[in-house]
Amino acid sequence: MDALLILGGLLLILAGLIWLVMLAFGTSLLWGWGSLIPPITLVYVLRHWRTARKAVALAGLGFIPLVVGLTLLASHDPVRLAAILSLDWAKPAYQAPAELDIDLHGELNGQAFAPQHAELIDGVLSLREGQDFFARREVKIRLPQGATKAPIRLDVLPEDSGNLPEVEVSWLLPEQDLPEARRLSKGYTLHLDLQALPPNKLNGDFHLVLPAQYGTTLSGRLELFTDRLRYRDGQLDTAFDSQETLVHVVEDHLQRRFASRLVQVQPIPLVTFPTTRVPLTVTARVNGQDQQVELVLRKGQSGWQVEGDHYPQLAQSTSAPSKPSSAQVPTPREPSRPTVDRRVRFSLLRLLSNPQQYQNLSMRVFKVSGGAAEGRFAGLDSDGSIRLSQQHGGAGQASFTLHPDEISRVELLEP
């Protein structure tokens, strides 16, 4: 109501001023042009009051709803009124500096492509445009094993064959609820020359050209993250929302709690961001022994921290590690067990019958109506719907669900 009164009052005042200028032009051309200058407008009103009084009265009537609307706004939302009167809305919006220095030029599916986020995590190089759960446009390159450690130098030509990176491009049209995707295992041109940029970045040259029917070319300088941690002034930024940040906070807490740096935290349950409070049951190996601890993580002004954390910092060890005695007998290491590849014989039925086995694994879901979605498996809802989550760089983490009746096929992307 207050907004309508304010808007109506402003419209009446504007109509009165326009009418006044029209009356001035009707008096003479000189008065008309002069009335466009506020001081001369006032002189015209005083000299030709009988002619101008109708327009002045209309403009004066506009102040009545304007004052009433501002009074109502001040009574229930004074902060908004102060922002309006301070004219902050007229100032140009502040744009935060980009986290990554990305200077790429090109197109994807025939449309201009300007990625804002890039990362190389778990062997997948991802270039993403858009901050929603599904990217408007995205390029993913799954690098072969052994080609993910800096420096990365890789050249692929259309005629090459063998163990080549898999390239996937996807785009989301306005009328679609899931993006379309295309994958290539050969027949494209790729050039990567990336160098390490401490603490957790790579930067260098990037060049990608897909066959003409895909309408995709991308070339320039690229900077990307190698994990989901963020640093500020050389220190870890614990305010950033990611699984890795929580693991670091938990590990630091346990090291100080048990006064030992020999702490290995097991994977924690998947957390959906944004949130400010996370209760966790953490399993960790401390000094060679398994420990299970109940913790509550809370996000405050200084970032994520464990509730009730009053343990002091660990002293820096300056003494050299002692050499093992010759009398000590080395403990035989247990033979490593072969890793089971869960992608073998994976299906939607296996996922629904034993969801715990695939928790937090990356998978791709194909919808019956078309389109595909990719994310990490976050469990099943009460109605049996599959819930996937995605980490969006600085945008946090998002999740979505698909009912089994909507799914035609599920593909597991890691062992």
Protein backbone atom coordinates (compact mmCIF):
# COMPACT_ATOMS: atom_id res chain seq x y z
CA MET A 1 0.00 0.00 0.00
CA ASP A 2 2.76 2.45 0.93
CA ALA A 3 4.55 1.81 -2.36
CA LEU A 4 1.34 2.55 -4.34
CA LEU A 5 0.81 5.82 -2.45
CA ILE A 6 4.40 6.92 -3.06
CA LEU A 7 4.21 6.00 -6.75
CA GLY A 8 0.83 7.69 -7.20
CA GLY A 9 2.08 10.89 -5.54
CA LEU A 10 5.16 11.01 -7.76
CA LEU A 11 3.02 10.50 -10.88
CA LEU A 12 0.70 13.37 -9.89
CA ILE A 13 3.66 15.69 -9.27
CA LEU A 14 5.19 14.72 -12.62
CA ALA A 15 1.88 15.28 -14.43
CA GLY A 16 1.54 18.73 -12.81
CA LEU A 17 5.03 19.77 -13.89
CA ILE A 18 4.44 18.61 -17.46
CA TRP A 19 1.15 20.52 -17.57
CA LEU A 20 2.93 23.62 -16.24
CA VAL A 21 5.53 23.50 -19.03
CA MET A 22 2.75 23.09 -21.63
CA LEU A 23 0.97 26.16 -20.23
CA ALA A 24 4.23 28.12 -20.38
CA PHE A 25 4.68 27.23 -24.06
CA GLY A 26 1.05 28.34 -24.61
CA THR A 27 1.89 31.73 -23.13
CA SER A 28 4.93 32.29 -25.36
CA LEU A 29 7.80 30.35 -26.83
CA LEU A 30 10.28 32.22 -24.65
CA TRP A 31 8.39 31.38 -21.44
CA GLY A 32 8.12 27.76 -22.61
CA TRP A 33 11.86 27.24 -23.01
CA GLY A 34 12.54 29.24 -19.86
CA SER A 35 10.18 27.07 -17.78
CA LEU A 36 12.50 24.12 -18.34
CA ILE A 37 14.93 25.87 -15.94
CA PRO A 38 13.62 25.60 -12.33
CA PRO A 39 14.29 29.23 -11.23
CA ILE A 40 12.55 30.62 -14.32
CA THR A 41 9.67 28.16 -13.75
CA LEU A 42 9.10 29.77 -10.36
CA VAL A 43 9.17 33.25 -11.94
CA TYR A 44 6.61 32.14 -14.52
CA VAL A 45 4.30 30.85 -11.78
CA LEU A 46 4.50 34.19 -9.94
CA ARG A 47 4.01 36.31 -13.09
CA HIS A 48 1.22 34.21 -14.61
CA TRP A 49 -0.49 32.77 -11.54
CA ARG A 50 -3.98 32.72 -13.05
CA THR A 51 -2.72 30.49 -15.90
CA ALA A 52 -0.34 28.28 -13.90
CA ARG A 53 -2.44 27.73 -10.77
CA LYS A 54 -4.26 24.66 -12.12
CA ALA A 55 -0.99 22.83 -12.87
CA VAL A 56 0.50 23.90 -9.52
CA ALA A 57 -2.60 22.60 -7.73
CA LEU A 58 -2.30 19.21 -9.45
CA ALA A 59 1.36 18.94 -8.48
CA GLY A 60 0.48 19.99 -4.92
CA LEU A 61 -2.12 17.24 -4.67
CA GLY A 62 0.61 14.73 -5.47
CA PHE A 63 2.43 15.59 -2.25
CA ILE A 64 -0.47 14.31 -0.15
CA PRO A 65 -0.22 10.59 -1.09
CA LEU A 66 3.56 10.92 -1.26
CA VAL A 67 3.83 12.10 2.36
CA VAL A 68 1.29 9.53 3.56
CA GLY A 69 3.15 6.70 1.78
CA LEU A 70 6.51 7.76 3.22
CA THR A 71 4.99 7.96 6.71
CA LEU A 72 3.56 4.45 6.45
CA LEU A 73 6.89 3.14 5.14
CA ALA A 74 8.77 4.79 8.01
CA SER A 75 6.46 3.18 10.56
CA HIS A 76 7.06 -0.45 9.55
CA ASP A 77 10.30 -0.44 7.51
CA PRO A 78 12.55 2.48 8.46
CA VAL A 79 15.66 0.75 7.09
CA ARG A 80 14.14 0.61 3.61
CA LEU A 81 13.11 4.26 3.84
CA ALA A 82 16.62 5.27 4.86
CA ALA A 83 18.04 3.34 1.90
CA ILE A 84 15.64 5.13 -0.47
CA LEU A 85 16.40 8.59 0.90
CA SER A 86 20.16 7.94 0.91
CA LEU A 87 20.01 7.27 -2.88
CA ASP A 88 22.15 4.14 -2.52
CA TRP A 89 19.98 2.52 -5.19
CA ALA A 90 21.22 5.09 -7.72
CA LYS A 91 24.86 4.19 -7.18
CA PRO A 92 26.45 1.57 -9.46
CA ALA A 93 26.39 -1.91 -7.93
CA TYR A 94 29.65 -3.07 -6.44
CA GLN A 95 31.12 -6.05 -8.21
CA ALA A 96 33.35 -8.28 -6.12
CA PRO A 97 36.66 -9.17 -7.74
CA ALA A 98 36.61 -12.49 -9.57
CA GLU A 99 38.20 -15.41 -7.75
CA LEU A 100 39.88 -16.63 -10.93
CA ASP A 101 41.69 -14.84 -13.75
CA ILE A 102 39.94 -16.45 -16.73
CA ASP A 103 40.54 -14.93 -20.16
CA LEU A 104 38.88 -17.38 -22.53
CA HIS A 105 37.10 -16.51 -25.77
CA GLY A 106 34.87 -18.73 -27.83
CA GLU A 107 31.47 -20.36 -28.05
CA LEU A 108 29.59 -23.48 -26.97
CA ASN A 109 26.83 -24.93 -29.13
CA GLY A 110 27.00 -21.80 -31.27
CA GLN A 111 26.45 -19.43 -28.30
CA ALA A 112 29.01 -17.13 -26.68
CA PHE A 113 30.67 -18.92 -23.78
CA ALA A 114 32.26 -17.00 -20.89
CA PRO A 115 32.96 -19.36 -17.94
CA GLN A 116 33.10 -17.77 -14.48
CA HIS A 117 34.31 -20.84 -12.61
CA ALA A 118 36.97 -23.45 -13.40
CA GLU A 119 38.36 -26.37 -11.42
CA LEU A 120 40.35 -29.58 -11.82
CA ILE A 121 39.20 -32.01 -9.12
CA ASP A 122 39.25 -35.82 -9.17
CA GLY A 123 40.69 -35.77 -12.69
CA VAL A 124 37.81 -33.71 -14.15
CA LEU A 125 38.53 -30.25 -15.59
CA SER A 126 35.32 -28.23 -15.49
CA LEU A 127 34.54 -24.84 -17.05
CA ARG A 128 31.16 -23.51 -15.94
CA GLU A 129 28.96 -20.54 -16.85
CA GLY A 130 26.11 -19.67 -14.49
CA GLN A 131 25.58 -19.98 -10.73
CA ASP A 132 22.41 -22.10 -10.70
CA PHE A 133 22.35 -25.82 -9.92
CA PHE A 134 22.56 -26.60 -13.64
CA ALA A 135 25.06 -24.51 -15.55
CA ARG A 136 23.79 -22.54 -18.53
CA ARG A 137 26.79 -23.87 -20.45
CA GLU A 138 29.56 -26.17 -19.26
CA VAL A 139 32.62 -28.01 -20.57
CA LYS A 140 34.00 -31.05 -18.73
CA ILE A 141 37.24 -32.82 -19.67
CA ARG A 142 38.00 -36.12 -17.92
CA LEU A 143 41.77 -36.44 -18.01
CA PRO A 144 43.48 -39.85 -18.07
CA GLN A 145 45.27 -41.08 -14.97
CA GLY A 146 48.75 -39.62 -14.60
CA ALA A 147 47.83 -36.38 -16.38
CA THR A 148 46.36 -34.50 -13.40
CA LYS A 149 49.57 -33.46 -11.60
CA ALA A 150 51.19 -30.10 -12.31
CA PRO A 151 52.70 -29.24 -14.66
CA ILE A 152 50.05 -30.51 -17.07
CA ARG A 153 51.03 -30.56 -20.73
CA LEU A 154 48.64 -32.28 -23.10
CA ASP A 155 48.10 -32.09 -26.86
CA VAL A 156 45.38 -34.00 -28.71
CA LEU A 157 44.71 -33.88 -32.47
CA PRO A 158 41.61 -35.12 -34.32
CA GLU A 159 43.47 -38.11 -35.78
CA ASP A 160 44.85 -39.29 -32.40
CA SER A 161 43.56 -42.47 -30.76
CA GLY A 162 44.19 -44.45 -27.59
CA ASN A 163 43.73 -43.33 -23.99
CA LEU A 164 42.47 -39.82 -24.68
CA PRO A 165 40.53 -37.41 -22.42
CA GLU A 166 36.75 -37.56 -22.67
CA VAL A 167 35.20 -34.19 -23.50
CA GLU A 168 31.62 -33.40 -22.51
CA VAL A 169 29.73 -30.22 -23.38
CA SER A 170 26.30 -29.39 -21.94
CA TRP A 171 23.84 -26.53 -22.23
CA LEU A 172 20.50 -25.65 -20.68
CA LEU A 173 17.78 -24.08 -22.82
CA PRO A 174 15.09 -21.87 -21.20
CA GLU A 175 12.31 -24.36 -21.94
CA GLN A 176 14.21 -27.36 -20.50
CA ASP A 177 14.46 -28.60 -16.91
CA LEU A 178 17.59 -30.70 -17.55
CA PRO A 179 20.60 -29.79 -19.71
CA GLU A 180 21.48 -31.48 -22.96
CA ALA A 181 24.92 -33.08 -23.15
CA ARG A 182 27.26 -34.40 -25.84
CA ARG A 183 30.41 -36.49 -25.20
CA LEU A 184 33.43 -37.14 -27.41
CA SER A 185 36.33 -39.51 -26.88
CA LYS A 186 38.23 -38.55 -30.06
CA GLY A 187 38.09 -36.33 -33.14
CA TYR A 188 38.76 -33.02 -31.38
CA THR A 189 41.70 -30.67 -30.80
CA LEU A 190 42.92 -29.97 -27.27
CA HIS A 191 45.95 -28.12 -25.93
CA LEU A 192 46.70 -27.79 -22.22
CA ASP A 193 49.79 -26.17 -20.71
CA LEU A 194 49.06 -25.56 -17.02
CA GLN A 195 51.55 -24.67 -14.30
CA ALA A 196 51.11 -24.84 -10.53
CA LEU A 197 50.07 -21.61 -8.83
CA PRO A 198 50.29 -22.11 -5.03
CA PRO A 199 48.50 -22.76 -2.85
CA ASN A 200 45.72 -24.49 -4.83
CA LYS A 201 45.54 -23.20 -8.39
CA LEU A 202 46.77 -23.95 -11.91
CA ASN A 203 47.14 -21.44 -14.71
CA GLY A 204 48.28 -21.48 -18.30
CA ASP A 205 47.13 -21.90 -21.88
CA PHE A 206 43.92 -23.63 -22.92
CA HIS A 207 42.69 -24.42 -26.43
CA LEU A 208 39.74 -26.63 -27.41
CA VAL A 209 38.11 -27.14 -30.82
CA LEU A 210 35.30 -29.67 -31.33
CA PRO A 211 33.99 -30.87 -34.71
CA ALA A 212 31.99 -28.25 -36.63
CA GLN A 213 28.56 -29.76 -35.83
CA TYR A 214 29.08 -29.04 -32.11
CA GLY A 215 29.73 -25.30 -32.65
CA THR A 216 32.28 -25.26 -29.81
CA THR A 217 35.67 -23.51 -29.74
CA LEU A 218 37.47 -22.06 -26.74
CA SER A 219 40.92 -20.50 -26.49
CA GLY A 220 42.92 -18.25 -24.18
CA ARG A 221 44.44 -18.13 -20.69
CA LEU A 222 42.93 -20.21 -17.92
CA GLU A 223 43.18 -20.19 -14.12
CA LEU A 224 41.46 -22.90 -12.09
CA PHE A 225 41.18 -24.38 -8.61
CA THR A 226 42.59 -27.80 -7.75
CA ASP A 227 40.41 -28.30 -4.66
CA ARG A 228 37.44 -26.75 -2.89
CA LEU A 229 39.41 -24.75 -0.36
CA ARG A 230 39.84 -20.98 -0.50
CA TYR A 231 42.68 -18.84 0.83
CA ARG A 232 42.83 -15.22 1.92
CA ASP A 233 46.16 -13.49 2.45
CA GLY A 234 47.88 -16.87 2.46
CA GLN A 235 45.60 -18.27 5.19
CA LEU A 236 42.80 -20.78 4.76
CA ASP A 237 39.40 -19.08 4.53
CA THR A 238 37.21 -21.10 6.91
CA ALA A 239 34.15 -19.06 5.90
CA PHE A 240 33.96 -20.79 2.51
CA ASP A 241 31.20 -23.42 2.29
CA SER A 242 32.58 -26.78 1.12
CA GLN A 243 33.11 -30.32 2.38
CA GLU A 244 36.88 -29.79 2.28
CA THR A 245 36.62 -26.73 4.55
CA LEU A 246 34.65 -28.70 7.14
CA VAL A 247 37.15 -31.58 7.00
CA HIS A 248 40.03 -29.15 7.58
CA VAL A 249 38.24 -27.55 10.56
CA VAL A 250 37.51 -30.98 12.05
CA GLU A 251 41.08 -32.19 11.49
CA ASP A 252 42.55 -29.07 13.13
CA HIS A 253 40.19 -29.50 16.09
CA LEU A 254 41.09 -33.17 16.59
CA GLN A 255 44.82 -32.47 16.35
CA ARG A 256 44.56 -29.96 19.17
CA ARG A 257 42.09 -32.07 21.13
CA PHE A 258 44.32 -35.17 21.14
CA ALA A 259 47.59 -33.15 21.08
CA SER A 260 48.81 -35.04 18.03
CA ARG A 261 49.34 -34.30 14.38
CA LEU A 262 48.81 -37.95 13.46
CA VAL A 263 45.12 -37.49 12.67
CA GLN A 264 43.40 -38.90 9.61
CA VAL A 265 39.73 -37.94 9.26
CA GLN A 266 37.43 -40.37 7.44
CA PRO A 267 34.98 -38.94 4.86
CA ILE A 268 32.23 -36.99 6.58
CA PRO A 269 28.53 -37.15 5.58
CA LEU A 270 27.56 -34.96 2.66
CA VAL A 271 26.46 -31.48 3.79
CA THR A 272 24.03 -29.37 1.76
CA PHE A 273 24.90 -25.68 1.74
CA PRO A 274 23.99 -22.99 2.61
CA THR A 275 23.67 -23.79 6.31
CA THR A 276 25.12 -22.42 9.56
CA ARG A 277 25.00 -25.47 11.87
CA VAL A 278 26.12 -29.02 11.12
CA PRO A 279 26.03 -31.87 13.70
CA LEU A 280 28.49 -34.62 12.75
CA THR A 281 29.59 -38.03 13.90
CA VAL A 282 33.25 -38.05 12.90
CA THR A 283 35.40 -41.15 12.59
CA ALA A 284 39.14 -40.53 12.59
CA ARG A 285 42.36 -42.46 13.06
CA VAL A 286 44.43 -40.82 15.81
CA ASN A 287 47.89 -42.16 16.60
CA GLY A 288 46.97 -45.41 14.87
CA GLN A 289 43.73 -45.91 16.81
CA ASP A 290 40.18 -45.37 15.58
CA GLN A 291 38.20 -42.68 17.38
CA GLN A 292 34.55 -41.68 16.98
CA VAL A 293 33.62 -38.18 18.11
CA GLU A 294 30.32 -36.28 18.17
CA LEU A 295 30.85 -32.70 16.98
CA VAL A 296 28.72 -29.70 16.11
CA LEU A 297 30.12 -27.25 13.57
CA ARG A 298 28.78 -23.71 13.52
CA LYS A 299 29.46 -20.89 11.09
CA GLY A 300 30.06 -17.49 12.65
CA GLN A 301 31.63 -14.21 11.60
CA SER A 302 35.10 -15.77 11.66
CA GLY A 303 34.04 -18.84 9.67
CA TRP A 304 33.37 -22.48 10.51
CA GLN A 305 34.43 -23.73 13.94
CA VAL A 306 33.61 -26.54 16.36
CA GLU A 307 31.28 -25.64 19.22
CA GLY A 308 33.04 -25.69 22.59
CA ASP A 309 36.53 -25.71 21.01
CA HIS A 310 38.80 -24.45 23.81
CA TYR A 311 41.89 -26.54 23.06
CA PRO A 312 45.21 -24.68 22.67
CA GLN A 313 47.31 -24.60 19.54
CA LEU A 314 49.85 -27.37 19.08
CA ALA A 315 53.44 -26.44 19.76
CA GLN A 316 55.66 -26.35 16.70
CA SER A 317 58.02 -29.31 16.74
CA THR A 318 61.64 -28.20 16.25
CA SER A 319 63.49 -31.39 17.12
CA ALA A 320 64.58 -33.73 14.38
CA PRO A 321 62.70 -37.02 14.20
CA SER A 322 64.52 -39.81 15.99
CA LYS A 323 65.94 -42.63 13.92
CA PRO A 324 64.46 -46.06 14.49
CA SER A 325 66.53 -48.37 16.64
CA SER A 326 68.21 -51.29 14.95
CA ALA A 327 66.70 -53.53 17.62
CA GLN A 328 63.22 -52.63 16.56
CA VAL A 329 61.56 -55.11 14.28
CA PRO A 330 59.46 -53.46 11.55
CA THR A 331 55.81 -54.36 11.67
CA PRO A 332 54.80 -56.22 8.54
CA ARG A 333 52.32 -54.31 6.43
CA GLU A 334 49.06 -55.92 5.61
CA PRO A 335 48.68 -56.76 1.95
CA SER A 336 46.49 -54.26 0.18
CA ARG A 337 43.12 -55.48 -0.85
CA PRO A 338 42.12 -55.07 -4.46
CA THR A 339 39.76 -52.19 -5.03
CA VAL A 340 36.31 -53.26 -6.18
CA ASP A 341 35.06 -51.30 -9.18
CA ARG A 342 31.43 -50.54 -8.30
CA ARG A 343 30.76 -49.40 -11.87
CA VAL A 344 30.65 -53.06 -12.94
CA ARG A 345 27.03 -54.26 -13.16
CA PHE A 346 25.82 -50.94 -11.73
CA SER A 347 22.16 -50.18 -12.39
CA LEU A 348 19.24 -48.16 -11.09
CA LEU A 349 17.89 -51.24 -9.31
CA ARG A 350 21.20 -51.80 -7.48
CA LEU A 351 21.26 -48.15 -6.45
CA LEU A 352 17.73 -48.28 -5.02
CA SER A 353 18.31 -51.58 -3.21
CA ASN A 354 21.67 -50.65 -1.64
CA PRO A 355 22.07 -46.84 -1.58
CA GLN A 356 24.68 -46.84 1.23
CA GLN A 357 27.21 -48.51 -1.06
CA TYR A 358 27.15 -45.57 -3.48
CA GLN A 359 26.95 -42.69 -1.01
CA ASN A 360 28.80 -39.53 -2.14
CA LEU A 361 29.88 -41.08 -5.46
CA SER A 362 29.65 -39.12 -8.70
CA MET A 363 27.01 -40.33 -11.15
CA ARG A 364 25.09 -39.21 -14.23
CA VAL A 365 21.30 -39.56 -14.45
CA PHE A 366 19.46 -39.74 -17.79
CA LYS A 367 15.82 -38.64 -17.80
CA VAL A 368 13.05 -40.40 -19.75
CA SER A 369 11.95 -37.11 -21.31
CA GLY A 370 15.51 -36.31 -22.40
CA GLY A 371 18.49 -34.55 -20.89
CA ALA A 372 21.04 -35.61 -18.30
CA ALA A 373 22.16 -34.41 -14.89
CA GLU A 374 25.39 -35.08 -13.03
CA GLY A 375 26.23 -34.83 -9.34
CA ARG A 376 27.18 -36.73 -6.21
CA PHE A 377 24.69 -39.21 -4.78
CA ALA A 378 23.31 -37.78 -1.53
CA GLY A 379 20.86 -40.55 -0.67
CA LEU A 380 17.21 -41.45 -1.17
CA ASP A 381 14.18 -39.46 -0.06
CA SER A 382 11.26 -41.03 1.79
CA ASP A 383 9.41 -41.63 -1.50
CA GLY A 384 12.45 -43.32 -3.09
CA SER A 385 13.54 -40.29 -5.14
CA ILE A 386 17.25 -40.04 -5.92
CA ARG A 387 18.92 -36.94 -4.48
CA LEU A 388 22.05 -35.55 -6.17
CA SER A 389 24.22 -32.62 -5.11
CA GLN A 390 26.68 -30.37 -6.88
CA GLN A 391 29.38 -28.05 -5.56
CA HIS A 392 29.31 -24.63 -7.27
CA GLY A 393 32.58 -23.02 -6.44
CA GLY A 394 31.75 -19.73 -4.67
CA ALA A 395 28.02 -20.37 -4.93
CA GLY A 396 28.00 -23.19 -2.41
CA GLN A 397 26.30 -26.55 -2.79
CA ALA A 398 22.87 -27.37 -4.20
CA SER A 399 20.80 -30.53 -4.52
CA PHE A 400 17.87 -31.81 -6.57
CA THR A 401 15.76 -34.96 -6.67
CA LEU A 402 14.45 -37.25 -9.42
CA HIS A 403 11.83 -39.93 -8.98
CA PRO A 404 12.77 -43.39 -10.37
CA ASP A 405 9.81 -43.21 -12.78
CA GLU A 406 11.45 -40.17 -14.42
CA ILE A 407 14.81 -41.92 -14.89
CA SER A 408 15.74 -44.03 -17.90
CA ARG A 409 19.34 -44.86 -16.92
CA VAL A 410 21.95 -44.11 -14.23
CA GLU A 411 25.68 -44.15 -14.94
CA LEU A 412 28.30 -44.38 -12.16
CA LEU A 413 31.34 -42.22 -12.94
CA GLU A 414 33.90 -43.47 -10.39
CA PRO A 415 34.83 -46.87 -8.92
